[in-house]
N, C-alpha and C. Protein backbone atom coordinates (compact mmCIF):
# COMPACT_ATOMS: atom_id res chain seq x y z
N MET A 1 -21.10 46.52 -6.37
CA MET A 1 -21.92 47.28 -5.44
C MET A 1 -23.29 47.51 -6.05
N ASN A 2 -24.29 47.51 -5.20
CA ASN A 2 -25.64 47.75 -5.69
C ASN A 2 -26.20 49.04 -5.12
N ALA A 3 -27.47 49.28 -5.31
CA ALA A 3 -28.10 50.53 -4.91
C ALA A 3 -28.02 50.77 -3.41
N GLN A 4 -28.23 52.01 -3.04
CA GLN A 4 -28.06 52.43 -1.65
C GLN A 4 -29.27 52.12 -0.78
N SER A 5 -29.02 52.13 0.53
CA SER A 5 -30.08 52.05 1.52
C SER A 5 -30.24 53.45 2.13
N ASP A 6 -31.12 53.56 3.12
CA ASP A 6 -31.30 54.84 3.80
C ASP A 6 -30.07 55.23 4.63
N PHE A 7 -29.17 54.28 4.83
CA PHE A 7 -27.94 54.52 5.59
C PHE A 7 -26.75 54.81 4.67
N GLU A 8 -26.98 54.80 3.37
CA GLU A 8 -25.89 54.89 2.41
C GLU A 8 -26.12 55.94 1.34
N ILE A 9 -25.01 56.48 0.86
CA ILE A 9 -25.01 57.33 -0.32
C ILE A 9 -24.17 56.60 -1.35
N PHE A 10 -24.75 56.34 -2.50
CA PHE A 10 -24.09 55.56 -3.55
C PHE A 10 -24.01 56.40 -4.82
N SER A 11 -22.81 56.48 -5.38
CA SER A 11 -22.59 57.19 -6.64
C SER A 11 -21.69 56.32 -7.51
N SER A 12 -21.95 56.35 -8.81
CA SER A 12 -21.19 55.48 -9.70
C SER A 12 -21.08 56.12 -11.08
N ARG A 13 -20.00 55.77 -11.77
CA ARG A 13 -19.81 56.25 -13.14
C ARG A 13 -18.97 55.25 -13.91
N ILE A 14 -19.28 55.11 -15.19
CA ILE A 14 -18.44 54.31 -16.07
C ILE A 14 -17.46 55.26 -16.75
N LEU A 15 -16.18 54.92 -16.65
CA LEU A 15 -15.11 55.73 -17.21
C LEU A 15 -14.48 54.99 -18.39
N ASN A 16 -14.06 55.72 -19.38
CA ASN A 16 -13.44 55.13 -20.58
C ASN A 16 -11.93 54.99 -20.41
N PHE A 17 -11.57 54.28 -19.34
CA PHE A 17 -10.16 54.03 -19.03
C PHE A 17 -10.03 52.63 -18.44
N PRO A 18 -8.87 52.01 -18.60
CA PRO A 18 -8.65 50.69 -18.00
C PRO A 18 -8.69 50.76 -16.47
N VAL A 19 -9.12 49.69 -15.84
CA VAL A 19 -9.26 49.65 -14.39
C VAL A 19 -7.94 49.98 -13.69
N GLU A 20 -6.83 49.53 -14.25
CA GLU A 20 -5.52 49.79 -13.62
C GLU A 20 -5.22 51.28 -13.55
N LYS A 21 -5.61 52.00 -14.58
CA LYS A 21 -5.36 53.44 -14.62
C LYS A 21 -6.28 54.18 -13.64
N VAL A 22 -7.53 53.75 -13.55
CA VAL A 22 -8.48 54.37 -12.62
C VAL A 22 -8.02 54.13 -11.18
N TYR A 23 -7.60 52.91 -10.90
CA TYR A 23 -7.11 52.58 -9.56
C TYR A 23 -5.87 53.42 -9.23
N LYS A 24 -4.95 53.52 -10.16
CA LYS A 24 -3.72 54.28 -9.93
C LYS A 24 -4.02 55.74 -9.60
N ALA A 25 -5.05 56.30 -10.22
CA ALA A 25 -5.41 57.71 -9.95
C ALA A 25 -5.78 57.91 -8.49
N PHE A 26 -6.28 56.86 -7.83
CA PHE A 26 -6.54 56.95 -6.40
C PHE A 26 -5.31 56.53 -5.59
N ALA A 27 -4.69 55.45 -5.97
CA ALA A 27 -3.62 54.85 -5.16
C ALA A 27 -2.33 55.67 -5.13
N ASP A 28 -2.16 56.56 -6.09
CA ASP A 28 -0.96 57.40 -6.16
C ASP A 28 -1.32 58.81 -5.67
N PRO A 29 -0.82 59.19 -4.49
CA PRO A 29 -1.20 60.51 -3.93
C PRO A 29 -0.84 61.68 -4.84
N ALA A 30 0.15 61.52 -5.70
CA ALA A 30 0.50 62.60 -6.63
C ALA A 30 -0.65 62.88 -7.60
N HIS A 31 -1.44 61.87 -7.89
CA HIS A 31 -2.63 62.06 -8.73
C HIS A 31 -3.86 62.36 -7.87
N LEU A 32 -4.00 61.63 -6.79
CA LEU A 32 -5.17 61.77 -5.92
C LEU A 32 -5.38 63.22 -5.48
N LYS A 33 -4.33 63.89 -5.11
CA LYS A 33 -4.45 65.27 -4.61
C LYS A 33 -5.03 66.22 -5.66
N ASN A 34 -4.90 65.86 -6.94
CA ASN A 34 -5.38 66.73 -8.01
C ASN A 34 -6.87 66.62 -8.28
N TRP A 35 -7.50 65.54 -7.85
CA TRP A 35 -8.91 65.35 -8.22
C TRP A 35 -9.84 65.10 -7.04
N TRP A 36 -9.32 64.80 -5.87
CA TRP A 36 -10.19 64.45 -4.76
C TRP A 36 -10.97 65.67 -4.28
N GLY A 37 -12.28 65.52 -4.20
CA GLY A 37 -13.12 66.58 -3.68
C GLY A 37 -13.88 67.32 -4.77
N PRO A 38 -14.78 68.19 -4.34
CA PRO A 38 -15.62 68.94 -5.29
C PRO A 38 -14.81 69.97 -6.09
N ASN A 39 -15.46 70.53 -7.10
CA ASN A 39 -14.85 71.57 -7.92
C ASN A 39 -14.29 72.69 -7.06
N GLY A 40 -13.11 73.14 -7.42
CA GLY A 40 -12.49 74.28 -6.74
C GLY A 40 -11.66 73.92 -5.54
N PHE A 41 -11.79 72.71 -5.02
CA PHE A 41 -11.01 72.32 -3.85
C PHE A 41 -9.61 71.90 -4.26
N THR A 42 -8.65 72.17 -3.38
CA THR A 42 -7.30 71.63 -3.51
C THR A 42 -7.02 70.82 -2.26
N ASN A 43 -5.98 70.01 -2.31
CA ASN A 43 -5.68 69.10 -1.21
C ASN A 43 -4.22 69.14 -0.83
N THR A 44 -3.97 69.04 0.45
CA THR A 44 -2.65 68.76 0.98
C THR A 44 -2.74 67.41 1.67
N ILE A 45 -2.02 66.44 1.13
CA ILE A 45 -2.02 65.10 1.72
C ILE A 45 -0.83 65.02 2.67
N HIS A 46 -1.13 64.82 3.95
CA HIS A 46 -0.09 64.77 4.98
C HIS A 46 0.43 63.35 5.16
N GLU A 47 -0.44 62.39 5.03
CA GLU A 47 -0.06 60.98 5.18
C GLU A 47 -1.01 60.15 4.32
N PHE A 48 -0.46 59.16 3.63
CA PHE A 48 -1.26 58.28 2.78
C PHE A 48 -0.58 56.92 2.78
N ASP A 49 -1.00 56.07 3.68
CA ASP A 49 -0.42 54.74 3.87
C ASP A 49 -1.46 53.71 3.43
N LEU A 50 -1.47 53.41 2.14
CA LEU A 50 -2.51 52.59 1.53
C LEU A 50 -2.29 51.10 1.84
N ARG A 51 -2.67 50.73 3.05
CA ARG A 51 -2.63 49.34 3.51
C ARG A 51 -3.61 49.23 4.68
N PRO A 52 -4.12 48.04 4.96
CA PRO A 52 -5.02 47.91 6.10
C PRO A 52 -4.34 48.42 7.38
N GLY A 53 -5.04 49.31 8.08
CA GLY A 53 -4.49 49.93 9.28
C GLY A 53 -3.71 51.21 9.01
N GLY A 54 -3.44 51.49 7.73
CA GLY A 54 -2.71 52.71 7.37
C GLY A 54 -3.60 53.94 7.45
N LYS A 55 -2.99 55.07 7.72
CA LYS A 55 -3.74 56.32 7.86
C LYS A 55 -3.72 57.13 6.57
N TRP A 56 -4.82 57.88 6.40
CA TRP A 56 -4.91 58.87 5.33
C TRP A 56 -5.31 60.18 6.01
N LEU A 57 -4.37 61.12 6.03
CA LEU A 57 -4.61 62.43 6.63
C LEU A 57 -4.44 63.49 5.54
N LEU A 58 -5.47 64.31 5.36
CA LEU A 58 -5.38 65.36 4.37
C LEU A 58 -6.15 66.59 4.82
N THR A 59 -5.76 67.72 4.25
CA THR A 59 -6.50 68.96 4.41
C THR A 59 -7.07 69.32 3.06
N MET A 60 -8.39 69.47 3.02
CA MET A 60 -9.06 69.95 1.81
C MET A 60 -9.22 71.46 1.96
N HIS A 61 -8.75 72.20 0.97
CA HIS A 61 -8.80 73.65 0.99
C HIS A 61 -9.96 74.11 0.11
N GLY A 62 -10.93 74.79 0.73
CA GLY A 62 -12.09 75.27 -0.01
C GLY A 62 -11.72 76.37 -0.98
N PRO A 63 -12.49 76.53 -2.06
CA PRO A 63 -12.16 77.52 -3.08
C PRO A 63 -12.31 78.96 -2.60
N GLU A 64 -13.19 79.20 -1.66
CA GLU A 64 -13.41 80.56 -1.19
C GLU A 64 -12.81 80.79 0.19
N LYS A 65 -13.03 79.83 1.08
CA LYS A 65 -12.44 79.93 2.41
C LYS A 65 -12.56 78.57 3.07
N GLY A 66 -11.80 78.41 4.10
CA GLY A 66 -11.92 77.20 4.89
C GLY A 66 -10.97 76.10 4.52
N ASN A 67 -10.45 75.46 5.55
CA ASN A 67 -9.63 74.27 5.44
C ASN A 67 -10.35 73.18 6.20
N TYR A 68 -10.45 72.02 5.58
CA TYR A 68 -11.23 70.92 6.15
C TYR A 68 -10.30 69.73 6.38
N GLU A 69 -10.05 69.46 7.66
CA GLU A 69 -9.16 68.35 8.03
C GLU A 69 -9.93 67.04 7.91
N ASN A 70 -9.30 66.06 7.30
CA ASN A 70 -9.89 64.74 7.11
C ASN A 70 -8.92 63.69 7.62
N ALA A 71 -9.42 62.76 8.41
CA ALA A 71 -8.59 61.68 8.93
C ALA A 71 -9.36 60.37 8.76
N SER A 72 -8.68 59.39 8.20
CA SER A 72 -9.28 58.09 7.95
C SER A 72 -8.25 57.00 8.18
N VAL A 73 -8.77 55.78 8.39
CA VAL A 73 -7.91 54.60 8.51
C VAL A 73 -8.38 53.59 7.48
N PHE A 74 -7.46 53.13 6.63
CA PHE A 74 -7.79 52.13 5.63
C PHE A 74 -8.07 50.79 6.29
N GLU A 75 -9.10 50.11 5.79
CA GLU A 75 -9.47 48.80 6.33
C GLU A 75 -9.23 47.68 5.33
N THR A 76 -9.61 47.89 4.07
CA THR A 76 -9.50 46.87 3.04
C THR A 76 -8.86 47.46 1.80
N ILE A 77 -7.86 46.77 1.29
CA ILE A 77 -7.20 47.17 0.04
C ILE A 77 -7.13 45.94 -0.85
N LYS A 78 -7.86 45.98 -1.96
CA LYS A 78 -7.78 44.94 -2.98
C LYS A 78 -7.46 45.68 -4.28
N PRO A 79 -6.17 45.72 -4.66
CA PRO A 79 -5.79 46.51 -5.84
C PRO A 79 -6.67 46.22 -7.05
N ASN A 80 -7.07 47.32 -7.70
CA ASN A 80 -7.91 47.29 -8.90
C ASN A 80 -9.31 46.75 -8.64
N GLU A 81 -9.72 46.60 -7.36
CA GLU A 81 -11.05 46.10 -7.03
C GLU A 81 -11.77 46.93 -5.97
N LEU A 82 -11.13 47.11 -4.80
CA LEU A 82 -11.85 47.73 -3.68
C LEU A 82 -10.88 48.40 -2.71
N ILE A 83 -11.28 49.59 -2.27
CA ILE A 83 -10.61 50.28 -1.17
C ILE A 83 -11.71 50.66 -0.18
N ARG A 84 -11.49 50.35 1.08
CA ARG A 84 -12.47 50.68 2.12
C ARG A 84 -11.72 51.34 3.28
N TRP A 85 -12.33 52.44 3.78
CA TRP A 85 -11.75 53.09 4.95
C TRP A 85 -12.83 53.57 5.89
N LYS A 86 -12.41 53.85 7.12
CA LYS A 86 -13.27 54.40 8.16
C LYS A 86 -12.78 55.81 8.45
N ARG A 87 -13.71 56.76 8.34
CA ARG A 87 -13.36 58.14 8.73
C ARG A 87 -13.31 58.23 10.24
N ILE A 88 -12.28 58.91 10.74
CA ILE A 88 -12.15 59.14 12.18
C ILE A 88 -12.26 60.62 12.50
N SER A 89 -12.64 61.41 11.48
CA SER A 89 -12.98 62.82 11.69
C SER A 89 -14.41 63.02 11.20
N GLN A 90 -15.03 64.09 11.66
CA GLN A 90 -16.42 64.36 11.28
C GLN A 90 -16.52 64.77 9.82
N PRO A 91 -17.57 64.41 9.12
CA PRO A 91 -18.64 63.52 9.55
C PRO A 91 -18.16 62.06 9.49
N LEU A 92 -18.63 61.26 10.43
CA LEU A 92 -18.20 59.87 10.53
C LEU A 92 -19.00 58.99 9.58
N PHE A 93 -18.30 58.21 8.80
CA PHE A 93 -18.92 57.19 7.94
C PHE A 93 -17.82 56.28 7.42
N ASP A 94 -18.21 55.13 6.91
CA ASP A 94 -17.29 54.24 6.23
C ASP A 94 -17.40 54.53 4.74
N MET A 95 -16.30 54.40 4.04
CA MET A 95 -16.27 54.69 2.61
C MET A 95 -15.73 53.49 1.86
N GLU A 96 -16.40 53.13 0.78
CA GLU A 96 -15.92 52.09 -0.11
C GLU A 96 -15.83 52.66 -1.51
N ILE A 97 -14.71 52.39 -2.16
CA ILE A 97 -14.58 52.70 -3.58
C ILE A 97 -14.34 51.37 -4.29
N ALA A 98 -15.25 51.04 -5.19
CA ALA A 98 -15.13 49.81 -5.97
C ALA A 98 -14.69 50.17 -7.38
N PHE A 99 -13.82 49.34 -7.93
CA PHE A 99 -13.31 49.47 -9.30
C PHE A 99 -13.71 48.19 -10.02
N GLU A 100 -14.58 48.31 -11.00
CA GLU A 100 -15.06 47.13 -11.71
C GLU A 100 -14.69 47.22 -13.19
N LYS A 101 -13.90 46.27 -13.65
CA LYS A 101 -13.52 46.22 -15.06
C LYS A 101 -14.73 45.82 -15.88
N ILE A 102 -15.12 46.69 -16.80
CA ILE A 102 -16.23 46.41 -17.71
C ILE A 102 -15.66 45.76 -18.98
N THR A 103 -14.66 46.42 -19.57
CA THR A 103 -13.90 45.90 -20.70
C THR A 103 -12.45 46.32 -20.46
N ASP A 104 -11.56 46.02 -21.39
CA ASP A 104 -10.16 46.43 -21.23
C ASP A 104 -10.00 47.95 -21.18
N SER A 105 -10.98 48.67 -21.70
CA SER A 105 -10.87 50.14 -21.74
C SER A 105 -12.02 50.86 -21.04
N LYS A 106 -12.81 50.13 -20.26
CA LYS A 106 -13.92 50.75 -19.51
C LYS A 106 -13.94 50.21 -18.09
N THR A 107 -14.16 51.13 -17.14
CA THR A 107 -14.19 50.79 -15.72
C THR A 107 -15.38 51.48 -15.07
N GLN A 108 -16.08 50.76 -14.22
CA GLN A 108 -17.09 51.40 -13.39
C GLN A 108 -16.46 51.66 -12.03
N ILE A 109 -16.52 52.92 -11.61
CA ILE A 109 -16.07 53.29 -10.28
C ILE A 109 -17.30 53.63 -9.46
N SER A 110 -17.33 53.16 -8.23
CA SER A 110 -18.49 53.39 -7.35
C SER A 110 -18.01 53.87 -5.99
N PHE A 111 -18.68 54.87 -5.48
CA PHE A 111 -18.46 55.37 -4.12
C PHE A 111 -19.66 54.94 -3.27
N ARG A 112 -19.39 54.36 -2.14
CA ARG A 112 -20.46 54.04 -1.18
C ARG A 112 -20.05 54.61 0.18
N MET A 113 -20.84 55.57 0.66
CA MET A 113 -20.65 56.17 1.97
C MET A 113 -21.68 55.52 2.89
N ILE A 114 -21.22 54.89 3.97
CA ILE A 114 -22.08 54.11 4.85
C ILE A 114 -22.10 54.76 6.23
N PHE A 115 -23.28 55.17 6.65
CA PHE A 115 -23.46 55.89 7.92
C PHE A 115 -24.08 54.98 8.97
N GLU A 116 -23.87 55.32 10.23
CA GLU A 116 -24.46 54.54 11.32
C GLU A 116 -25.93 54.83 11.52
N THR A 117 -26.36 56.04 11.12
CA THR A 117 -27.77 56.41 11.32
C THR A 117 -28.36 56.97 10.03
N VAL A 118 -29.66 56.83 9.89
CA VAL A 118 -30.37 57.43 8.76
C VAL A 118 -30.24 58.95 8.84
N GLU A 119 -30.31 59.50 10.04
CA GLU A 119 -30.22 60.95 10.21
C GLU A 119 -28.89 61.49 9.73
N GLY A 120 -27.81 60.80 10.11
CA GLY A 120 -26.47 61.23 9.67
C GLY A 120 -26.35 61.19 8.16
N CYS A 121 -26.90 60.15 7.55
CA CYS A 121 -26.88 60.02 6.10
C CYS A 121 -27.72 61.11 5.44
N SER A 122 -28.90 61.34 5.97
CA SER A 122 -29.82 62.34 5.39
C SER A 122 -29.22 63.74 5.44
N LYS A 123 -28.43 64.01 6.46
CA LYS A 123 -27.82 65.34 6.60
C LYS A 123 -26.77 65.59 5.51
N ILE A 124 -26.04 64.55 5.14
CA ILE A 124 -24.95 64.68 4.17
C ILE A 124 -25.42 64.49 2.73
N ARG A 125 -26.46 63.69 2.52
CA ARG A 125 -26.89 63.31 1.17
C ARG A 125 -27.09 64.49 0.21
N PRO A 126 -27.79 65.58 0.59
CA PRO A 126 -28.03 66.66 -0.39
C PRO A 126 -26.74 67.29 -0.92
N PHE A 127 -25.72 67.29 -0.10
CA PHE A 127 -24.43 67.85 -0.50
C PHE A 127 -23.60 66.81 -1.24
N ALA A 128 -23.54 65.59 -0.71
CA ALA A 128 -22.61 64.57 -1.22
C ALA A 128 -22.96 64.10 -2.62
N GLU A 129 -24.23 63.89 -2.90
CA GLU A 129 -24.58 63.32 -4.21
C GLU A 129 -24.10 64.18 -5.37
N PRO A 130 -24.40 65.49 -5.41
CA PRO A 130 -23.89 66.29 -6.54
C PRO A 130 -22.37 66.48 -6.48
N LYS A 131 -21.80 66.54 -5.30
CA LYS A 131 -20.36 66.74 -5.17
C LYS A 131 -19.60 65.49 -5.62
N ASN A 132 -20.16 64.30 -5.41
CA ASN A 132 -19.52 63.08 -5.91
C ASN A 132 -19.44 63.12 -7.43
N GLU A 133 -20.47 63.66 -8.08
CA GLU A 133 -20.43 63.80 -9.54
C GLU A 133 -19.30 64.73 -9.97
N GLU A 134 -19.11 65.82 -9.24
CA GLU A 134 -17.99 66.73 -9.52
C GLU A 134 -16.67 66.00 -9.34
N ASN A 135 -16.61 65.17 -8.31
CA ASN A 135 -15.41 64.39 -8.04
C ASN A 135 -15.10 63.47 -9.22
N PHE A 136 -16.11 62.80 -9.75
CA PHE A 136 -15.91 61.93 -10.91
C PHE A 136 -15.44 62.73 -12.13
N ASP A 137 -15.99 63.93 -12.32
CA ASP A 137 -15.56 64.79 -13.42
C ASP A 137 -14.06 65.11 -13.29
N ARG A 138 -13.66 65.45 -12.09
CA ARG A 138 -12.26 65.79 -11.84
C ARG A 138 -11.36 64.58 -12.04
N LEU A 139 -11.84 63.41 -11.62
CA LEU A 139 -11.09 62.17 -11.81
C LEU A 139 -10.85 61.92 -13.30
N GLU A 140 -11.88 62.05 -14.11
CA GLU A 140 -11.72 61.84 -15.55
C GLU A 140 -10.66 62.77 -16.14
N LYS A 141 -10.68 64.03 -15.73
CA LYS A 141 -9.69 64.99 -16.24
C LYS A 141 -8.29 64.61 -15.80
N GLU A 142 -8.15 64.14 -14.57
CA GLU A 142 -6.82 63.75 -14.08
C GLU A 142 -6.30 62.52 -14.83
N ILE A 143 -7.15 61.54 -15.07
CA ILE A 143 -6.70 60.34 -15.78
C ILE A 143 -6.26 60.69 -17.20
N GLU A 144 -6.92 61.66 -17.83
CA GLU A 144 -6.51 62.07 -19.17
C GLU A 144 -5.07 62.59 -19.21
N THR A 145 -4.57 63.09 -18.07
CA THR A 145 -3.21 63.62 -18.02
C THR A 145 -2.17 62.55 -17.69
N MET A 146 -2.62 61.36 -17.31
CA MET A 146 -1.69 60.31 -16.86
C MET A 146 -1.06 59.57 -18.03
């Protein structure tokens, strides 16, 4: 994945873990629920069918208040390489997570959020960019426990 356009939010980090372990942290809902989302959030995963056409339904519970329902449909699954889904709940965007093996013990993970309009992207960007960094922090902590 390369840099973002005005329709995209792109975040990336190199992790000191093998690509298989980074991928498993997403592909296994028992791990995913522990790190998905910004600091302080918890998750209830209602459905996680990791295959093209499969649904991902979850409730993100805010640290202070609020429950945020999320519904998506997986489109592309390439183990240890790429997961792509389409959100069917607001805000609407397509999401790609790329897993790139750098070495046997280093992986670059990239999030790409793709919006239909520049306005939709601009509305989410100020929140999403720093929160994606928090998400990567949480991911690293979860992988350390695996």
